[in-house]
Amino acid sequence: MSRLSIDCREHPSKSNCSVAISADTKKELLDAAVQHAVAVHGHQDSPQLREQIGTMIKTT
């Protein structure tokens, strides 16, 4: 089974975040990535944020 992942290093920010998140399902990965974006990067959870993060998901 392929894993899905998002790596903050591929999307540079002022914080130089180096977190990478992996999961087996898109929903699980998206939920974790949104929590990270809100807690660490100060974003607001919104449909637009979820859509943007969804485009960052890669299959590994």
N, C-alpha and C. Protein backbone atom coordinates (compact mmCIF):
# COMPACT_ATOMS: atom_id res chain seq x y z
N MET A 1 0.84 -1.17 0.00
CA MET A 1 0.00 0.00 0.00
C MET A 1 0.89 1.25 0.00
N SER A 2 0.57 2.21 -0.82
CA SER A 2 1.31 3.47 -0.88
C SER A 2 0.96 4.34 0.31
N ARG A 3 1.94 5.13 0.73
CA ARG A 3 1.71 6.11 1.80
C ARG A 3 1.53 7.47 1.16
N LEU A 4 0.78 8.31 1.81
CA LEU A 4 0.60 9.69 1.39
C LEU A 4 1.42 10.56 2.32
N SER A 5 1.97 11.65 1.79
CA SER A 5 2.79 12.51 2.64
C SER A 5 2.72 13.96 2.21
N ILE A 6 3.07 14.82 3.17
CA ILE A 6 3.24 16.25 2.95
C ILE A 6 4.53 16.63 3.68
N ASP A 7 5.37 17.43 3.02
CA ASP A 7 6.64 17.84 3.60
C ASP A 7 6.73 19.37 3.57
N CYS A 8 6.79 19.98 4.74
CA CYS A 8 6.86 21.44 4.82
C CYS A 8 8.10 22.01 4.13
N ARG A 9 9.16 21.24 4.04
CA ARG A 9 10.37 21.74 3.40
C ARG A 9 10.15 22.06 1.92
N GLU A 10 9.14 21.45 1.32
CA GLU A 10 8.85 21.71 -0.09
C GLU A 10 8.06 22.99 -0.28
N HIS A 11 7.64 23.62 0.82
CA HIS A 11 6.86 24.84 0.79
C HIS A 11 7.45 25.80 1.81
N PRO A 12 8.57 26.42 1.46
CA PRO A 12 9.32 27.25 2.40
C PRO A 12 8.46 28.32 3.07
N SER A 13 8.75 28.55 4.34
CA SER A 13 8.06 29.57 5.11
C SER A 13 9.07 30.31 5.96
N LYS A 14 8.63 31.36 6.61
CA LYS A 14 9.51 32.15 7.46
C LYS A 14 10.06 31.33 8.62
N SER A 15 9.33 30.30 9.03
CA SER A 15 9.77 29.49 10.18
C SER A 15 10.75 28.39 9.79
N ASN A 16 11.00 28.21 8.49
CA ASN A 16 11.90 27.14 8.02
C ASN A 16 11.50 25.79 8.59
N CYS A 17 10.24 25.50 8.59
CA CYS A 17 9.69 24.26 9.14
C CYS A 17 10.23 23.05 8.38
N SER A 18 10.59 22.01 9.12
CA SER A 18 11.12 20.80 8.50
C SER A 18 10.26 19.57 8.78
N VAL A 19 9.01 19.78 9.16
CA VAL A 19 8.11 18.68 9.49
C VAL A 19 7.63 17.98 8.22
N ALA A 20 7.61 16.66 8.27
CA ALA A 20 7.01 15.83 7.22
C ALA A 20 5.97 14.95 7.89
N ILE A 21 4.81 14.83 7.27
CA ILE A 21 3.71 14.05 7.84
C ILE A 21 3.31 12.99 6.82
N SER A 22 3.07 11.76 7.29
CA SER A 22 2.64 10.66 6.42
C SER A 22 1.44 9.96 7.02
N ALA A 23 0.62 9.39 6.15
CA ALA A 23 -0.55 8.63 6.59
C ALA A 23 -0.98 7.69 5.47
N ASP A 24 -1.87 6.77 5.82
CA ASP A 24 -2.37 5.82 4.82
C ASP A 24 -3.57 6.35 4.04
N THR A 25 -4.31 7.31 4.62
CA THR A 25 -5.49 7.83 3.94
C THR A 25 -5.39 9.34 3.78
N LYS A 26 -6.03 9.85 2.75
CA LYS A 26 -6.02 11.29 2.50
C LYS A 26 -6.66 12.04 3.65
N LYS A 27 -7.77 11.53 4.19
CA LYS A 27 -8.45 12.21 5.29
C LYS A 27 -7.56 12.31 6.51
N GLU A 28 -6.91 11.22 6.87
CA GLU A 28 -6.05 11.22 8.04
C GLU A 28 -4.88 12.20 7.86
N LEU A 29 -4.28 12.20 6.69
CA LEU A 29 -3.17 13.10 6.40
C LEU A 29 -3.63 14.54 6.39
N LEU A 30 -4.74 14.81 5.74
CA LEU A 30 -5.25 16.17 5.65
C LEU A 30 -5.58 16.71 7.04
N ASP A 31 -6.23 15.91 7.87
CA ASP A 31 -6.56 16.34 9.23
C ASP A 31 -5.30 16.68 10.02
N ALA A 32 -4.28 15.84 9.95
CA ALA A 32 -3.03 16.08 10.67
C ALA A 32 -2.31 17.31 10.13
N ALA A 33 -2.29 17.46 8.82
CA ALA A 33 -1.60 18.60 8.22
C ALA A 33 -2.31 19.91 8.55
N VAL A 34 -3.62 19.90 8.58
CA VAL A 34 -4.37 21.11 8.95
C VAL A 34 -4.09 21.47 10.40
N GLN A 35 -4.09 20.47 11.28
CA GLN A 35 -3.77 20.73 12.69
C GLN A 35 -2.38 21.36 12.81
N HIS A 36 -1.42 20.85 12.06
CA HIS A 36 -0.07 21.39 12.08
C HIS A 36 -0.06 22.83 11.55
N ALA A 37 -0.74 23.07 10.44
CA ALA A 37 -0.77 24.40 9.84
C ALA A 37 -1.38 25.43 10.80
N VAL A 38 -2.40 25.03 11.53
CA VAL A 38 -3.05 25.93 12.49
C VAL A 38 -2.14 26.15 13.70
N ALA A 39 -1.64 25.07 14.29
CA ALA A 39 -0.87 25.17 15.53
C ALA A 39 0.51 25.81 15.34
N VAL A 40 1.17 25.49 14.24
CA VAL A 40 2.56 25.93 14.06
C VAL A 40 2.67 27.16 13.16
N HIS A 41 1.88 27.20 12.10
CA HIS A 41 2.02 28.26 11.12
C HIS A 41 0.99 29.38 11.27
N GLY A 42 0.05 29.22 12.21
CA GLY A 42 -0.91 30.28 12.49
C GLY A 42 -2.04 30.45 11.49
N HIS A 43 -2.28 29.44 10.65
CA HIS A 43 -3.37 29.51 9.69
C HIS A 43 -4.71 29.25 10.39
N GLN A 44 -5.79 29.66 9.74
CA GLN A 44 -7.13 29.36 10.21
C GLN A 44 -7.65 28.15 9.43
N ASP A 45 -8.27 27.19 10.13
CA ASP A 45 -8.86 26.03 9.45
C ASP A 45 -10.04 26.52 8.61
N SER A 46 -9.98 26.28 7.33
CA SER A 46 -11.04 26.71 6.42
C SER A 46 -11.07 25.76 5.23
N PRO A 47 -12.16 25.78 4.48
CA PRO A 47 -12.21 24.95 3.27
C PRO A 47 -11.09 25.31 2.29
N GLN A 48 -10.73 26.58 2.21
CA GLN A 48 -9.66 27.01 1.31
C GLN A 48 -8.32 26.44 1.75
N LEU A 49 -8.05 26.47 3.06
CA LEU A 49 -6.79 25.90 3.56
C LEU A 49 -6.74 24.41 3.27
N ARG A 50 -7.83 23.71 3.52
CA ARG A 50 -7.87 22.26 3.27
C ARG A 50 -7.66 21.96 1.79
N GLU A 51 -8.23 22.79 0.92
CA GLU A 51 -8.05 22.58 -0.51
C GLU A 51 -6.58 22.81 -0.90
N GLN A 52 -5.99 23.88 -0.37
CA GLN A 52 -4.58 24.17 -0.68
C GLN A 52 -3.67 23.05 -0.19
N ILE A 53 -3.89 22.59 1.05
CA ILE A 53 -3.07 21.50 1.59
C ILE A 53 -3.28 20.23 0.79
N GLY A 54 -4.51 19.99 0.35
CA GLY A 54 -4.81 18.81 -0.45
C GLY A 54 -3.98 18.74 -1.73
N THR A 55 -3.64 19.90 -2.29
CA THR A 55 -2.84 19.90 -3.52
C THR A 55 -1.38 19.58 -3.24
N MET A 56 -0.98 19.61 -1.98
CA MET A 56 0.42 19.35 -1.59
C MET A 56 0.69 17.88 -1.31
N ILE A 57 -0.35 17.05 -1.29
CA ILE A 57 -0.21 15.64 -0.95
C ILE A 57 0.49 14.88 -2.07
N LYS A 58 1.47 14.07 -1.66
CA LYS A 58 2.21 13.24 -2.61
C LYS A 58 2.11 11.77 -2.17
N THR A 59 2.14 10.89 -3.15
CA THR A 59 2.16 9.46 -2.87
C THR A 59 3.60 9.00 -2.81
N THR A 60 3.92 8.26 -1.74
CA THR A 60 5.30 7.77 -1.58
C THR A 60 5.33 6.26 -1.58
